């Protein structure tokens, strides 16, 4: 390196990258050039923060070559406590997420980006299928069965994989473990999860915790 010290050169490169990221942010977040039709598709405005606006920003990030984008909606905790009313909040939150996510998929596809972008929607656990009466009706955390959806690069569109019992409590058909999902996502990114195995202190390790099978039915 020009500095003669690779650690100093790395630190300088890190600062320069941080500057480039910060200096590009104003143009990225300026939605004045977005059409009224696009804003209506997402259900957002140019200036008011919302999940839908973040979906639009996600598309703008992807257009600019950002390789990983994460969106987060905070208000799914309908446990039935103060301010967590399942009856009033669920429909509102579902609409916010549904419209923004659907618009993102449509927008990516219309711009020819969806073939190269993998969209993953989900969380770390689900919700109990029944309402539980506390101060108000709510739901608890539920790890046994929950829904995720995928779109874009390498995903077979228009199908439903898996089925729960009549209560929505346990999987009964095409059960998929989170390790299977991880293995499949890595495959879609061009990585064989089994080749990432390494030995440490007498035990094999990998990103799928030496588990996981490809969910071939998801693949195009």
Protein backbone atom coordinates (compact mmCIF):
# COMPACT_ATOMS: atom_id res chain seq x y z
CA UNK A 1 0.00 0.00 0.00
CA UNK A 2 1.04 3.64 -0.40
CA UNK A 3 1.15 4.07 3.37
CA UNK A 4 3.47 1.11 3.79
CA UNK A 5 1.13 -0.25 6.46
CA UNK A 6 -1.82 -2.46 5.40
CA UNK A 7 -3.74 -1.75 8.60
CA UNK A 8 -3.57 2.01 8.03
CA UNK A 9 -4.53 1.54 4.37
CA UNK A 10 -7.53 -0.56 5.44
CA UNK A 11 -8.62 2.09 7.94
CA UNK A 12 -8.35 4.82 5.29
CA UNK A 13 -10.36 2.73 2.81
CA UNK A 14 -13.04 2.19 5.48
CA UNK A 15 -13.33 5.93 6.14
CA UNK A 16 -13.49 6.67 2.43
CA UNK A 17 -16.26 4.13 1.93
CA UNK A 18 -18.18 5.64 4.87
CA UNK A 19 -17.88 9.06 3.21
CA UNK A 20 -19.14 7.74 -0.13
CA UNK A 21 -22.11 6.13 1.61
CA UNK A 22 -22.99 9.29 3.54
CA UNK A 23 -22.57 11.59 0.55
CA UNK A 24 -24.86 9.39 -1.59
CA UNK A 25 -27.66 9.26 1.00
CA UNK A 26 -29.32 12.63 0.20
CA UNK A 27 -29.90 11.70 -3.44
CA UNK A 28 -31.11 8.22 -2.46
CA UNK A 29 -33.71 9.46 0.02
CA UNK A 30 -34.98 12.32 -2.16
CA UNK A 31 -38.24 11.00 -3.63
CA UNK A 32 -39.11 14.14 -5.58
CA UNK A 33 -38.39 12.34 -8.84
CA UNK A 34 -40.82 9.51 -8.08
CA UNK A 35 -44.15 9.76 -9.88
CA UNK A 36 -47.50 10.16 -8.16
CA UNK A 37 -48.49 6.78 -9.62
CA UNK A 38 -45.51 5.10 -7.95
CA UNK A 39 -46.31 6.72 -4.60
CA UNK A 40 -49.93 5.61 -4.90
CA UNK A 41 -48.80 2.06 -5.71
CA UNK A 42 -46.81 1.90 -2.49
CA UNK A 43 -49.35 3.89 -0.46
CA UNK A 44 -46.83 6.44 0.80
CA UNK A 45 -45.87 10.09 0.47
CA UNK A 46 -42.53 11.61 -0.44
CA UNK A 47 -41.79 12.88 3.06
CA UNK A 48 -43.75 10.96 5.72
CA UNK A 49 -41.87 7.99 7.24
CA UNK A 50 -43.70 4.67 6.87
CA UNK A 51 -43.07 1.00 6.10
CA UNK A 52 -44.36 1.59 2.57
CA UNK A 53 -41.89 4.44 2.06
CA UNK A 54 -39.12 2.13 3.24
CA UNK A 55 -40.22 -0.39 0.60
CA UNK A 56 -39.81 2.30 -2.04
CA UNK A 57 -36.40 3.21 -0.62
CA UNK A 58 -35.49 -0.49 -0.83
CA UNK A 59 -36.15 -0.45 -4.57
CA UNK A 60 -34.00 2.67 -4.93
CA UNK A 61 -31.20 0.97 -2.97
CA UNK A 62 -31.38 -2.09 -5.21
CA UNK A 63 -31.23 0.11 -8.31
CA UNK A 64 -28.00 1.60 -7.00
CA UNK A 65 -26.34 -1.76 -6.50
CA UNK A 66 -26.85 -2.32 -2.77
CA UNK A 67 -26.51 -6.07 -2.25
CA UNK A 68 -28.47 -6.52 0.98
CA UNK A 69 -31.48 -4.52 2.21
CA UNK A 70 -33.47 -5.26 5.37
CA UNK A 71 -36.89 -3.79 6.15
CA UNK A 72 -38.46 -4.07 9.58
CA UNK A 73 -42.04 -3.50 10.72
CA UNK A 74 -42.24 -3.06 14.49
CA UNK A 75 -45.92 -3.39 15.41
CA UNK A 76 -46.75 -7.11 15.30
CA UNK A 77 -46.60 -7.62 19.08
CA UNK A 78 -50.33 -8.07 19.67
CA UNK A 79 -50.03 -9.86 23.01
CA UNK A 80 -53.19 -8.32 24.42
CA UNK A 81 -51.53 -5.90 26.80
CA UNK A 82 -51.92 -2.11 26.86
CA UNK A 83 -51.68 -0.73 23.34
CA UNK A 84 -51.50 -4.23 21.81
CA UNK A 85 -55.05 -4.90 20.65
CA UNK A 86 -55.34 -7.74 18.17
CA UNK A 87 -58.85 -6.75 17.05
CA UNK A 88 -57.88 -3.19 16.13
CA UNK A 89 -54.25 -3.45 15.11
CA UNK A 90 -53.88 -6.62 13.02
CA UNK A 91 -55.91 -5.50 10.01
CA UNK A 92 -54.17 -2.11 9.97
CA UNK A 93 -50.67 -3.57 10.23
CA UNK A 94 -51.42 -6.29 7.66
CA UNK A 95 -52.59 -3.64 5.18
CA UNK A 96 -49.44 -1.58 5.70
CA UNK A 97 -47.20 -4.57 5.09
CA UNK A 98 -49.27 -6.09 2.26
CA UNK A 99 -49.48 -2.94 0.15
CA UNK A 100 -45.84 -1.96 0.56
CA UNK A 101 -44.51 -5.47 -0.13
CA UNK A 102 -46.81 -6.07 -3.10
CA UNK A 103 -45.78 -2.72 -4.58
CA UNK A 104 -42.10 -3.57 -4.11
CA UNK A 105 -42.52 -6.86 -6.00
CA UNK A 106 -44.47 -5.19 -8.82
CA UNK A 107 -42.00 -2.32 -9.06
CA UNK A 108 -38.95 -4.59 -9.14
CA UNK A 109 -40.57 -6.73 -11.82
CA UNK A 110 -41.62 -3.78 -13.98
CA UNK A 111 -38.02 -2.48 -13.95
CA UNK A 112 -36.48 -5.85 -14.83
CA UNK A 113 -34.85 -6.24 -11.41
CA UNK A 114 -36.81 -9.11 -9.90
CA UNK A 115 -34.92 -11.81 -11.78
CA UNK A 116 -31.75 -10.81 -9.95
CA UNK A 117 -33.24 -9.94 -6.55
CA UNK A 118 -34.36 -12.46 -3.95
CA UNK A 119 -37.10 -11.15 -1.67
CA UNK A 120 -37.60 -12.94 1.67
CA UNK A 121 -40.49 -12.10 4.00
CA UNK A 122 -40.71 -13.63 7.46
CA UNK A 123 -39.73 -13.53 11.08
CA UNK A 124 -38.04 -15.69 13.69
CA UNK A 125 -41.31 -17.23 14.92
CA UNK A 126 -45.04 -17.18 14.31
CA UNK A 127 -48.11 -16.45 16.40
CA UNK A 128 -50.53 -18.77 18.08
CA UNK A 129 -53.57 -19.33 15.85
CA UNK A 130 -56.03 -18.73 18.68
CA UNK A 131 -56.73 -15.52 20.56
CA UNK A 132 -55.73 -15.53 24.23
CA UNK A 133 -57.77 -13.39 26.60
CA UNK A 134 -55.65 -11.19 28.86
CA UNK A 135 -56.40 -7.52 29.41
CA UNK A 136 -57.58 -7.76 25.82
CA UNK A 137 -57.44 -10.52 23.23
CA UNK A 138 -53.90 -11.24 22.08
CA UNK A 139 -51.62 -13.95 20.74
CA UNK A 140 -48.43 -15.52 21.98
CA UNK A 141 -45.15 -16.48 20.30
CA UNK A 142 -45.42 -19.76 18.37
CA UNK A 143 -42.41 -21.63 16.99
CA UNK A 144 -44.12 -24.75 15.61
CA UNK A 145 -45.78 -23.31 12.52
CA UNK A 146 -45.60 -19.96 10.75
CA UNK A 147 -45.60 -18.51 7.28
CA UNK A 148 -42.85 -17.07 5.11
CA UNK A 149 -42.93 -16.08 1.46
CA UNK A 150 -40.30 -15.63 -1.19
CA UNK A 151 -40.15 -13.94 -4.57
CA UNK A 152 -37.63 -13.24 -7.25
CA UNK A 153 -34.42 -14.87 -8.37
CA UNK A 154 -34.75 -18.64 -8.60
CA UNK A 155 -38.12 -18.94 -6.83
CA UNK A 156 -40.97 -20.82 -8.47
CA UNK A 157 -43.81 -18.29 -8.39
CA UNK A 158 -47.48 -18.93 -7.69
CA UNK A 159 -47.32 -21.90 -5.35
CA UNK A 160 -47.99 -22.71 -1.71
CA UNK A 161 -45.64 -25.14 0.01
CA UNK A 162 -46.68 -26.76 3.27
CA UNK A 163 -49.88 -27.22 5.22
CA UNK A 164 -50.84 -27.08 8.89
CA UNK A 165 -53.52 -28.95 10.80
CA UNK A 166 -57.06 -27.60 10.92
CA UNK A 167 -56.15 -25.31 13.83
CA UNK A 168 -53.06 -23.87 12.16
CA UNK A 169 -51.02 -25.14 15.09
CA UNK A 170 -48.68 -27.84 13.72
CA UNK A 171 -47.29 -28.58 10.23
CA UNK A 172 -48.68 -31.76 8.69
CA UNK A 173 -47.57 -31.58 5.02
CA UNK A 174 -44.18 -30.54 3.58
CA UNK A 175 -42.77 -29.45 6.91
CA UNK A 176 -39.77 -27.13 6.40
CA UNK A 177 -37.27 -26.37 9.15
CA UNK A 178 -35.45 -23.06 9.34
CA UNK A 179 -32.23 -24.92 8.45
CA UNK A 180 -33.90 -26.07 5.21
CA UNK A 181 -34.82 -22.48 4.43
CA UNK A 182 -31.27 -21.31 5.09
CA UNK A 183 -29.84 -24.07 2.89
CA UNK A 184 -32.24 -23.12 0.09
CA UNK A 185 -31.50 -19.40 0.34
CA UNK A 186 -27.76 -20.07 0.25
CA UNK A 187 -28.31 -22.25 -2.83
CA UNK A 188 -30.17 -19.40 -4.55
CA UNK A 189 -27.22 -17.14 -3.74
CA UNK A 190 -24.88 -19.62 -5.41
CA UNK A 191 -23.53 -21.21 -2.23
CA UNK A 192 -23.57 -24.91 -1.36
CA UNK A 193 -24.17 -24.93 2.40
CA UNK A 194 -22.42 -28.29 2.79
CA UNK A 195 -19.18 -26.92 1.33
CA UNK A 196 -19.12 -24.26 4.07
CA UNK A 197 -18.49 -26.93 6.72
CA UNK A 198 -15.43 -26.50 8.94
CA UNK A 199 -14.06 -28.56 11.82
CA UNK A 200 -13.56 -26.98 15.22
CA UNK A 201 -12.83 -28.71 18.54
CA UNK A 202 -13.94 -32.07 17.22
CA UNK A 203 -17.27 -30.86 15.78
CA UNK A 204 -18.41 -29.86 12.32
CA UNK A 205 -19.88 -26.37 11.94
CA UNK A 206 -21.60 -24.58 9.09
CA UNK A 207 -24.19 -21.85 8.58
CA UNK A 208 -27.01 -24.40 8.65
CA UNK A 209 -25.61 -26.06 11.81
CA UNK A 210 -24.78 -29.28 9.85
CA UNK A 211 -28.47 -29.64 9.05
CA UNK A 212 -30.71 -28.51 6.22
CA UNK A 213 -32.06 -29.93 2.98
CA UNK A 214 -32.84 -27.98 -0.19
CA UNK A 215 -36.54 -27.22 -0.62
CA UNK A 216 -36.61 -28.23 -4.27
CA UNK A 217 -40.31 -27.45 -4.65
CA UNK A 218 -39.50 -23.76 -4.10
CA UNK A 219 -36.98 -23.63 -6.90
CA UNK A 220 -37.82 -22.62 -10.45
